[in-house]
Amino acid sequence: MRPVYFDTTTHAITVYSSIASVDFGYTYTANSLLIDGEDGFWISTALNGLYYYNRQTGKTIHYTYSESPGSLSTNQLMNLVLDPQ
């Protein structure tokens, strides 16, 4: 999975390095992309949880369902919405 950012002010396109390895025997569907105010991409997937990519550091965090408290309740995420607070 490789994010591409288009700056609507400057019309510049930035292609970022791959943020997740892909198992070609598995279908990956990105359902929603949210860009937060802190240089991060949040990407929800149909079956593979949530990815956070920091554009400044190049680091990726992958959130998935587990039985641990505080984890996602499912890996099937359809949409992302930015909390105004």
PDB file of N, CA and C in Angstrom:
ATOM      1  N   MET A   1       0.853  -1.157   0.000  1.00  0.00           N
ATOM      2  CA  MET A   1       0.000   0.000   0.000  1.00  0.00           C
ATOM      3  C   MET A   1       0.907   1.229   0.000  1.00  0.00           C
ATOM      4  N   ARG A   2       0.678   2.119  -0.948  1.00  0.00           N
ATOM      5  CA  ARG A   2       1.545   3.283  -1.116  1.00  0.00           C
ATOM      6  C   ARG A   2       0.684   4.551  -1.239  1.00  0.00           C
ATOM      7  N   PRO A   3       0.720   5.443  -0.236  1.00  0.00           N
ATOM      8  CA  PRO A   3      -0.079   6.670  -0.316  1.00  0.00           C
ATOM      9  C   PRO A   3       0.486   7.662  -1.340  1.00  0.00           C
ATOM     10  N   VAL A   4      -0.434   8.352  -1.979  1.00  0.00           N
ATOM     11  CA  VAL A   4      -0.091   9.422  -2.914  1.00  0.00           C
ATOM     12  C   VAL A   4      -0.834  10.668  -2.437  1.00  0.00           C
ATOM     13  N   TYR A   5      -0.102  11.771  -2.282  1.00  0.00           N
ATOM     14  CA  TYR A   5      -0.689  13.011  -1.780  1.00  0.00           C
ATOM     15  C   TYR A   5      -0.675  14.059  -2.884  1.00  0.00           C
ATOM     16  N   PHE A   6      -1.834  14.680  -3.121  1.00  0.00           N
ATOM     17  CA  PHE A   6      -1.943  15.757  -4.098  1.00  0.00           C
ATOM     18  C   PHE A   6      -2.262  17.043  -3.356  1.00  0.00           C
ATOM     19  N   ASP A   7      -1.362  18.016  -3.423  1.00  0.00           N
ATOM     20  CA  ASP A   7      -1.556  19.307  -2.778  1.00  0.00           C
ATOM     21  C   ASP A   7      -2.393  20.180  -3.699  1.00  0.00           C
ATOM     22  N   THR A   8      -3.602  20.502  -3.265  1.00  0.00           N
ATOM     23  CA  THR A   8      -4.519  21.268  -4.118  1.00  0.00           C
ATOM     24  C   THR A   8      -4.108  22.728  -4.275  1.00  0.00           C
ATOM     25  N   THR A   9      -3.241  23.224  -3.409  1.00  0.00           N
ATOM     26  CA  THR A   9      -2.770  24.605  -3.532  1.00  0.00           C
ATOM     27  C   THR A   9      -1.654  24.720  -4.558  1.00  0.00           C
ATOM     28  N   THR A  10      -0.674  23.850  -4.467  1.00  0.00           N
ATOM     29  CA  THR A  10       0.498  23.929  -5.354  1.00  0.00           C
ATOM     30  C   THR A  10       0.420  22.977  -6.545  1.00  0.00           C
ATOM     31  N   HIS A  11      -0.550  22.063  -6.499  1.00  0.00           N
ATOM     32  CA  HIS A  11      -0.712  21.015  -7.523  1.00  0.00           C
ATOM     33  C   HIS A  11       0.474  20.053  -7.566  1.00  0.00           C
ATOM     34  N   ALA A  12       1.196  19.973  -6.479  1.00  0.00           N
ATOM     35  CA  ALA A  12       2.329  19.049  -6.392  1.00  0.00           C
ATOM     36  C   ALA A  12       1.824  17.665  -5.981  1.00  0.00           C
ATOM     37  N   ILE A  13       2.429  16.641  -6.551  1.00  0.00           N
ATOM     38  CA  ILE A  13       2.092  15.260  -6.226  1.00  0.00           C
ATOM     39  C   ILE A  13       3.284  14.632  -5.510  1.00  0.00           C
ATOM     40  N   THR A  14       3.007  14.008  -4.371  1.00  0.00           N
ATOM     41  CA  THR A  14       4.048  13.307  -3.618  1.00  0.00           C
ATOM     42  C   THR A  14       3.654  11.847  -3.491  1.00  0.00           C
ATOM     43  N   VAL A  15       4.537  10.951  -3.930  1.00  0.00           N
ATOM     44  CA  VAL A  15       4.316   9.516  -3.782  1.00  0.00           C
ATOM     45  C   VAL A  15       5.189   9.046  -2.629  1.00  0.00           C
ATOM     46  N   TYR A  16       4.568   8.493  -1.607  1.00  0.00           N
ATOM     47  CA  TYR A  16       5.292   8.038  -0.426  1.00  0.00           C
ATOM     48  C   TYR A  16       5.703   6.583  -0.588  1.00  0.00           C
ATOM     49  N   SER A  17       6.693   6.194   0.177  1.00  0.00           N
ATOM     50  CA  SER A  17       7.137   4.803   0.134  1.00  0.00           C
ATOM     51  C   SER A  17       6.024   3.905   0.664  1.00  0.00           C
ATOM     52  N   SER A  18       6.144   2.643   0.377  1.00  0.00           N
ATOM     53  CA  SER A  18       5.135   1.680   0.785  1.00  0.00           C
ATOM     54  C   SER A  18       5.001   1.675   2.302  1.00  0.00           C
ATOM     55  N   ILE A  19       3.764   1.695   2.789  1.00  0.00           N
ATOM     56  CA  ILE A  19       3.549   1.708   4.232  1.00  0.00           C
ATOM     57  C   ILE A  19       3.148   0.333   4.755  1.00  0.00           C
ATOM     58  N   ALA A  20       2.890  -0.601   3.860  1.00  0.00           N
ATOM     59  CA  ALA A  20       2.495  -1.943   4.299  1.00  0.00           C
ATOM     60  C   ALA A  20       2.912  -2.949   3.246  1.00  0.00           C
ATOM     61  N   SER A  21       3.423  -4.063   3.718  1.00  0.00           N
ATOM     62  CA  SER A  21       3.737  -5.126   2.772  1.00  0.00           C
ATOM     63  C   SER A  21       2.435  -5.811   2.384  1.00  0.00           C
ATOM     64  N   VAL A  22       2.381  -6.293   1.178  1.00  0.00           N
ATOM     65  CA  VAL A  22       1.158  -6.887   0.659  1.00  0.00           C
ATOM     66  C   VAL A  22       1.389  -8.361   0.383  1.00  0.00           C
ATOM     67  N   ASP A  23       0.508  -9.176   0.935  1.00  0.00           N
ATOM     68  CA  ASP A  23       0.499 -10.605   0.640  1.00  0.00           C
ATOM     69  C   ASP A  23      -0.366 -10.772  -0.604  1.00  0.00           C
ATOM     70  N   PHE A  24       0.221 -11.168  -1.703  1.00  0.00           N
ATOM     71  CA  PHE A  24      -0.502 -11.207  -2.968  1.00  0.00           C
ATOM     72  C   PHE A  24      -1.595 -12.270  -3.014  1.00  0.00           C
ATOM     73  N   GLY A  25      -1.665 -13.141  -2.018  1.00  0.00           N
ATOM     74  CA  GLY A  25      -2.755 -14.101  -1.944  1.00  0.00           C
ATOM     75  C   GLY A  25      -3.944 -13.563  -1.167  1.00  0.00           C
ATOM     76  N   TYR A  26      -3.872 -12.291  -0.771  1.00  0.00           N
ATOM     77  CA  TYR A  26      -4.888 -11.683   0.084  1.00  0.00           C
ATOM     78  C   TYR A  26      -5.350 -10.383  -0.560  1.00  0.00           C
ATOM     79  N   THR A  27      -6.636 -10.094  -0.491  1.00  0.00           N
ATOM     80  CA  THR A  27      -7.174  -8.874  -1.089  1.00  0.00           C
ATOM     81  C   THR A  27      -7.123  -7.726  -0.080  1.00  0.00           C
ATOM     82  N   TYR A  28      -6.492  -6.626  -0.464  1.00  0.00           N
ATOM     83  CA  TYR A  28      -6.427  -5.429   0.369  1.00  0.00           C
ATOM     84  C   TYR A  28      -7.284  -4.343  -0.269  1.00  0.00           C
ATOM     85  N   THR A  29      -8.228  -3.839   0.482  1.00  0.00           N
ATOM     86  CA  THR A  29      -9.071  -2.767  -0.015  1.00  0.00           C
ATOM     87  C   THR A  29      -9.003  -1.606   0.970  1.00  0.00           C
ATOM     88  N   ALA A  30      -8.504  -0.476   0.506  1.00  0.00           N
ATOM     89  CA  ALA A  30      -8.507   0.735   1.332  1.00  0.00           C
ATOM     90  C   ALA A  30      -9.867   1.389   1.153  1.00  0.00           C
ATOM     91  N   ASN A  31     -10.606   1.535   2.240  1.00  0.00           N
ATOM     92  CA  ASN A  31     -11.959   2.086   2.162  1.00  0.00           C
ATOM     93  C   ASN A  31     -12.007   3.585   2.367  1.00  0.00           C
ATOM     94  N   SER A  32     -11.107   4.108   3.163  1.00  0.00           N
ATOM     95  CA  SER A  32     -11.181   5.524   3.499  1.00  0.00           C
ATOM     96  C   SER A  32      -9.786   6.045   3.824  1.00  0.00           C
ATOM     97  N   LEU A  33      -9.551   7.284   3.458  1.00  0.00           N
ATOM     98  CA  LEU A  33      -8.281   7.949   3.747  1.00  0.00           C
ATOM     99  C   LEU A  33      -8.598   9.270   4.427  1.00  0.00           C
ATOM    100  N   LEU A  34      -7.926   9.512   5.548  1.00  0.00           N
ATOM    101  CA  LEU A  34      -8.107  10.764   6.253  1.00  0.00           C
ATOM    102  C   LEU A  34      -6.735  11.369   6.492  1.00  0.00           C
ATOM    103  N   ILE A  35      -6.583  12.637   6.204  1.00  0.00           N
ATOM    104  CA  ILE A  35      -5.342  13.353   6.489  1.00  0.00           C
ATOM    105  C   ILE A  35      -5.617  14.247   7.683  1.00  0.00           C
ATOM    106  N   ASP A  36      -4.905  13.987   8.767  1.00  0.00           N
ATOM    107  CA  ASP A  36      -5.142  14.786   9.966  1.00  0.00           C
ATOM    108  C   ASP A  36      -4.326  16.070   9.914  1.00  0.00           C
ATOM    109  N   GLY A  37      -4.457  16.900  10.892  1.00  0.00           N
ATOM    110  CA  GLY A  37      -3.754  18.171  10.932  1.00  0.00           C
ATOM    111  C   GLY A  37      -2.327  18.063  11.438  1.00  0.00           C
ATOM    112  N   GLU A  38      -1.839  16.843  11.631  1.00  0.00           N
ATOM    113  CA  GLU A  38      -0.509  16.642  12.194  1.00  0.00           C
ATOM    114  C   GLU A  38       0.387  15.830  11.272  1.00  0.00           C
ATOM    115  N   ASP A  39       0.235  16.001   9.959  1.00  0.00           N
ATOM    116  CA  ASP A  39       1.052  15.307   8.955  1.00  0.00           C
ATOM    117  C   ASP A  39       0.868  13.802   8.941  1.00  0.00           C
ATOM    118  N   GLY A  40      -0.321  13.337   9.223  1.00  0.00           N
ATOM    119  CA  GLY A  40      -0.556  11.903   9.214  1.00  0.00           C
ATOM    120  C   GLY A  40      -1.649  11.483   8.261  1.00  0.00           C
ATOM    121  N   PHE A  41      -1.464  10.307   7.675  1.00  0.00           N
ATOM    122  CA  PHE A  41      -2.499   9.633   6.894  1.00  0.00           C
ATOM    123  C   PHE A  41      -3.103   8.551   7.773  1.00  0.00           C
ATOM    124  N   TRP A  42      -4.409   8.440   7.804  1.00  0.00           N
ATOM    125  CA  TRP A  42      -5.122   7.332   8.437  1.00  0.00           C
ATOM    126  C   TRP A  42      -5.823   6.599   7.305  1.00  0.00           C
ATOM    127  N   ILE A  43      -5.609   5.295   7.202  1.00  0.00           N
ATOM    128  CA  ILE A  43      -6.187   4.509   6.117  1.00  0.00           C
ATOM    129  C   ILE A  43      -6.958   3.346   6.718  1.00  0.00           C
ATOM    130  N   SER A  44      -8.278   3.314   6.457  1.00  0.00           N
ATOM    131  CA  SER A  44      -9.082   2.188   6.919  1.00  0.00           C
ATOM    132  C   SER A  44      -9.149   1.153   5.807  1.00  0.00           C
ATOM    133  N   THR A  45      -9.201  -0.113   6.196  1.00  0.00           N
ATOM    134  CA  THR A  45      -9.247  -1.190   5.210  1.00  0.00           C
ATOM    135  C   THR A  45     -10.466  -2.072   5.441  1.00  0.00           C
ATOM    136  N   ALA A  46     -10.825  -2.831   4.406  1.00  0.00           N
ATOM    137  CA  ALA A  46     -11.994  -3.702   4.488  1.00  0.00           C
ATOM    138  C   ALA A  46     -11.773  -4.874   5.431  1.00  0.00           C
ATOM    139  N   LEU A  47     -10.566  -5.408   5.481  1.00  0.00           N
ATOM    140  CA  LEU A  47     -10.319  -6.605   6.288  1.00  0.00           C
ATOM    141  C   LEU A  47      -9.029  -6.573   7.089  1.00  0.00           C
ATOM    142  N   ASN A  48      -8.245  -5.503   6.953  1.00  0.00           N
ATOM    143  CA  ASN A  48      -6.908  -5.501   7.543  1.00  0.00           C
ATOM    144  C   ASN A  48      -6.695  -4.370   8.556  1.00  0.00           C
ATOM    145  N   GLY A  49      -7.748  -3.875   9.175  1.00  0.00           N
ATOM    146  CA  GLY A  49      -7.612  -2.894  10.235  1.00  0.00           C
ATOM    147  C   GLY A  49      -7.336  -1.476   9.764  1.00  0.00           C
ATOM    148  N   LEU A  50      -6.547  -0.777  10.536  1.00  0.00           N
ATOM    149  CA  LEU A  50      -6.286   0.647  10.351  1.00  0.00           C
ATOM    150  C   LEU A  50      -4.784   0.889  10.303  1.00  0.00           C
ATOM    151  N   TYR A  51      -4.362   1.732   9.364  1.00  0.00           N
ATOM    152  CA  TYR A  51      -2.952   2.122   9.259  1.00  0.00           C
ATOM    153  C   TYR A  51      -2.838   3.612   9.536  1.00  0.00           C
ATOM    154  N   TYR A  52      -1.794   3.975  10.272  1.00  0.00           N
ATOM    155  CA  TYR A  52      -1.443   5.385  10.465  1.00  0.00           C
ATOM    156  C   TYR A  52      -0.040   5.571   9.900  1.00  0.00           C
ATOM    157  N   TYR A  53       0.115   6.560   9.038  1.00  0.00           N
ATOM    158  CA  TYR A  53       1.417   6.852   8.438  1.00  0.00           C
ATOM    159  C   TYR A  53       1.771   8.300   8.715  1.00  0.00           C
ATOM    160  N   ASN A  54       2.917   8.540   9.360  1.00  0.00           N
ATOM    161  CA  ASN A  54       3.384   9.894   9.630  1.00  0.00           C
ATOM    162  C   ASN A  54       4.266  10.345   8.470  1.00  0.00           C
ATOM    163  N   ARG A  55       3.834  11.377   7.762  1.00  0.00           N
ATOM    164  CA  ARG A  55       4.561  11.845   6.571  1.00  0.00           C
ATOM    165  C   ARG A  55       5.924  12.428   6.903  1.00  0.00           C
ATOM    166  N   GLN A  56       6.102  12.998   8.086  1.00  0.00           N
ATOM    167  CA  GLN A  56       7.393  13.599   8.434  1.00  0.00           C
ATOM    168  C   GLN A  56       8.430  12.556   8.831  1.00  0.00           C
ATOM    169  N   THR A  57       8.007  11.559   9.603  1.00  0.00           N
ATOM    170  CA  THR A  57       8.970  10.561  10.087  1.00  0.00           C
ATOM    171  C   THR A  57       9.062   9.335   9.191  1.00  0.00           C
ATOM    172  N   GLY A  58       8.016   9.107   8.366  1.00  0.00           N
ATOM    173  CA  GLY A  58       7.984   7.916   7.518  1.00  0.00           C
ATOM    174  C   GLY A  58       7.623   6.650   8.273  1.00  0.00           C
ATOM    175  N   LYS A  59       7.179   6.788   9.521  1.00  0.00           N
ATOM    176  CA  LYS A  59       6.833   5.615  10.328  1.00  0.00           C
ATOM    177  C   LYS A  59       5.366   5.247  10.163  1.00  0.00           C
ATOM    178  N   THR A  60       5.100   3.944  10.216  1.00  0.00           N
ATOM    179  CA  THR A  60       3.753   3.408  10.082  1.00  0.00           C
ATOM    180  C   THR A  60       3.377   2.638  11.342  1.00  0.00           C
ATOM    181  N   ILE A  61       2.137   2.819  11.770  1.00  0.00           N
ATOM    182  CA  ILE A  61       1.580   2.012  12.858  1.00  0.00           C
ATOM    183  C   ILE A  61       0.372   1.281  12.289  1.00  0.00           C
ATOM    184  N   HIS A  62       0.289  -0.009  12.527  1.00  0.00           N
ATOM    185  CA  HIS A  62      -0.817  -0.826  12.040  1.00  0.00           C
ATOM    186  C   HIS A  62      -1.658  -1.262  13.234  1.00  0.00           C
ATOM    187  N   TYR A  63      -2.923  -0.843  13.255  1.00  0.00           N
ATOM    188  CA  TYR A  63      -3.839  -1.201  14.326  1.00  0.00           C
ATOM    189  C   TYR A  63      -4.754  -2.318  13.831  1.00  0.00           C
ATOM    190  N   THR A  64      -4.895  -3.378  14.623  1.00  0.00           N
ATOM    191  CA  THR A  64      -5.764  -4.488  14.246  1.00  0.00           C
ATOM    192  C   THR A  64      -6.575  -4.944  15.455  1.00  0.00           C
ATOM    193  N   TYR A  65      -7.561  -5.778  15.170  1.00  0.00           N
ATOM    194  CA  TYR A  65      -8.373  -6.366  16.219  1.00  0.00           C
ATOM    195  C   TYR A  65      -7.552  -7.385  17.000  1.00  0.00           C
ATOM    196  N   SER A  66      -7.741  -7.375  18.305  1.00  0.00           N
ATOM    197  CA  SER A  66      -7.241  -8.452  19.169  1.00  0.00           C
ATOM    198  C   SER A  66      -8.173  -8.491  20.366  1.00  0.00           C
ATOM    199  N   GLU A  67      -7.981  -9.445  21.221  1.00  0.00           N
ATOM    200  CA  GLU A  67      -8.836  -9.541  22.401  1.00  0.00           C
ATOM    201  C   GLU A  67      -8.323  -8.678  23.541  1.00  0.00           C
ATOM    202  N   SER A  68      -7.265  -7.927  23.304  1.00  0.00           N
ATOM    203  CA  SER A  68      -6.707  -7.036  24.318  1.00  0.00           C
ATOM    204  C   SER A  68      -7.568  -5.787  24.470  1.00  0.00           C
ATOM    205  N   PRO A  69      -7.712  -5.289  25.693  1.00  0.00           N
ATOM    206  CA  PRO A  69      -8.449  -4.035  25.895  1.00  0.00           C
ATOM    207  C   PRO A  69      -7.795  -2.892  25.114  1.00  0.00           C
ATOM    208  N   GLY A  70      -8.605  -2.048  24.507  1.00  0.00           N
ATOM    209  CA  GLY A  70      -8.095  -0.899  23.773  1.00  0.00           C
ATOM    210  C   GLY A  70      -7.800  -1.168  22.314  1.00  0.00           C
ATOM    211  N   SER A  71      -7.949  -2.415  21.863  1.00  0.00           N
ATOM    212  CA  SER A  71      -7.696  -2.698  20.448  1.00  0.00           C
ATOM    213  C   SER A  71      -8.951  -2.365  19.634  1.00  0.00           C
ATOM    214  N   LEU A  72      -8.841  -2.453  18.330  1.00  0.00           N
ATOM    215  CA  LEU A  72     -10.009  -2.268  17.478  1.00  0.00           C
ATOM    216  C   LEU A  72     -11.022  -3.366  17.765  1.00  0.00           C
ATOM    217  N   SER A  73     -12.296  -3.049  17.592  1.00  0.00           N
ATOM    218  CA  SER A  73     -13.343  -4.053  17.819  1.00  0.00           C
ATOM    219  C   SER A  73     -13.502  -4.981  16.622  1.00  0.00           C
ATOM    220  N   THR A  74     -12.953  -4.583  15.468  1.00  0.00           N
ATOM    221  CA  THR A  74     -12.997  -5.380  14.248  1.00  0.00           C
ATOM    222  C   THR A  74     -11.907  -4.894  13.304  1.00  0.00           C
ATOM    223  N   ASN A  75     -11.524  -5.719  12.336  1.00  0.00           N
ATOM    224  CA  ASN A  75     -10.591  -5.292  11.287  1.00  0.00           C
ATOM    225  C   ASN A  75     -11.330  -4.767  10.064  1.00  0.00           C
ATOM    226  N   GLN A  76     -12.654  -4.823  10.076  1.00  0.00           N
ATOM    227  CA  GLN A  76     -13.466  -4.358   8.956  1.00  0.00           C
ATOM    228  C   GLN A  76     -13.891  -2.918   9.205  1.00  0.00           C
ATOM    229  N   LEU A  77     -13.165  -1.990   8.609  1.00  0.00           N
ATOM    230  CA  LEU A  77     -13.425  -0.561   8.800  1.00  0.00           C
ATOM    231  C   LEU A  77     -13.883   0.050   7.496  1.00  0.00           C
ATOM    232  N   MET A  78     -14.979   0.759   7.523  1.00  0.00           N
ATOM    233  CA  MET A  78     -15.554   1.296   6.292  1.00  0.00           C
ATOM    234  C   MET A  78     -15.268   2.778   6.064  1.00  0.00           C
ATOM    235  N   ASN A  79     -15.175   3.568   7.125  1.00  0.00           N
ATOM    236  CA  ASN A  79     -15.083   5.016   6.946  1.00  0.00           C
ATOM    237  C   ASN A  79     -14.304   5.642   8.096  1.00  0.00           C
ATOM    238  N   LEU A  80     -13.691   6.784   7.825  1.00  0.00           N
ATOM    239  CA  LEU A  80     -13.002   7.564   8.853  1.00  0.00           C
ATOM    240  C   LEU A  80     -13.578   8.974   8.870  1.00  0.00           C
ATOM    241  N   VAL A  81     -13.711   9.540  10.060  1.00  0.00           N
ATOM    242  CA  VAL A  81     -14.215  10.903  10.215  1.00  0.00           C
ATOM    243  C   VAL A  81     -13.323  11.602  11.220  1.00  0.00           C
ATOM    244  N   LEU A  82     -12.881  12.796  10.906  1.00  0.00           N
ATOM    245  CA  LEU A  82     -12.024  13.579  11.789  1.00  0.00           C
ATOM    246  C   LEU A  82     -12.864  14.196  12.903  1.00  0.00           C
ATOM    247  N   ASP A  83     -12.463  13.957  14.133  1.00  0.00           N
ATOM    248  CA  ASP A  83     -13.129  14.558  15.296  1.00  0.00           C
ATOM    249  C   ASP A  83     -12.691  16.019  15.358  1.00  0.00           C
ATOM    250  N   PRO A  84     -13.618  16.966  15.363  1.00  0.00           N
ATOM    251  CA  PRO A  84     -13.248  18.377  15.340  1.00  0.00           C
ATOM    252  C   PRO A  84     -12.520  18.844  16.602  1.00  0.00           C
ATOM    253  N   GLN A  85     -12.511  18.041  17.641  1.00  0.00           N
ATOM    254  CA  GLN A  85     -11.830  18.442  18.861  1.00  0.00           C
ATOM    255  C   GLN A  85     -10.476  17.856  18.837  1.00  0.00           C
TER     256      GLN A  85
END
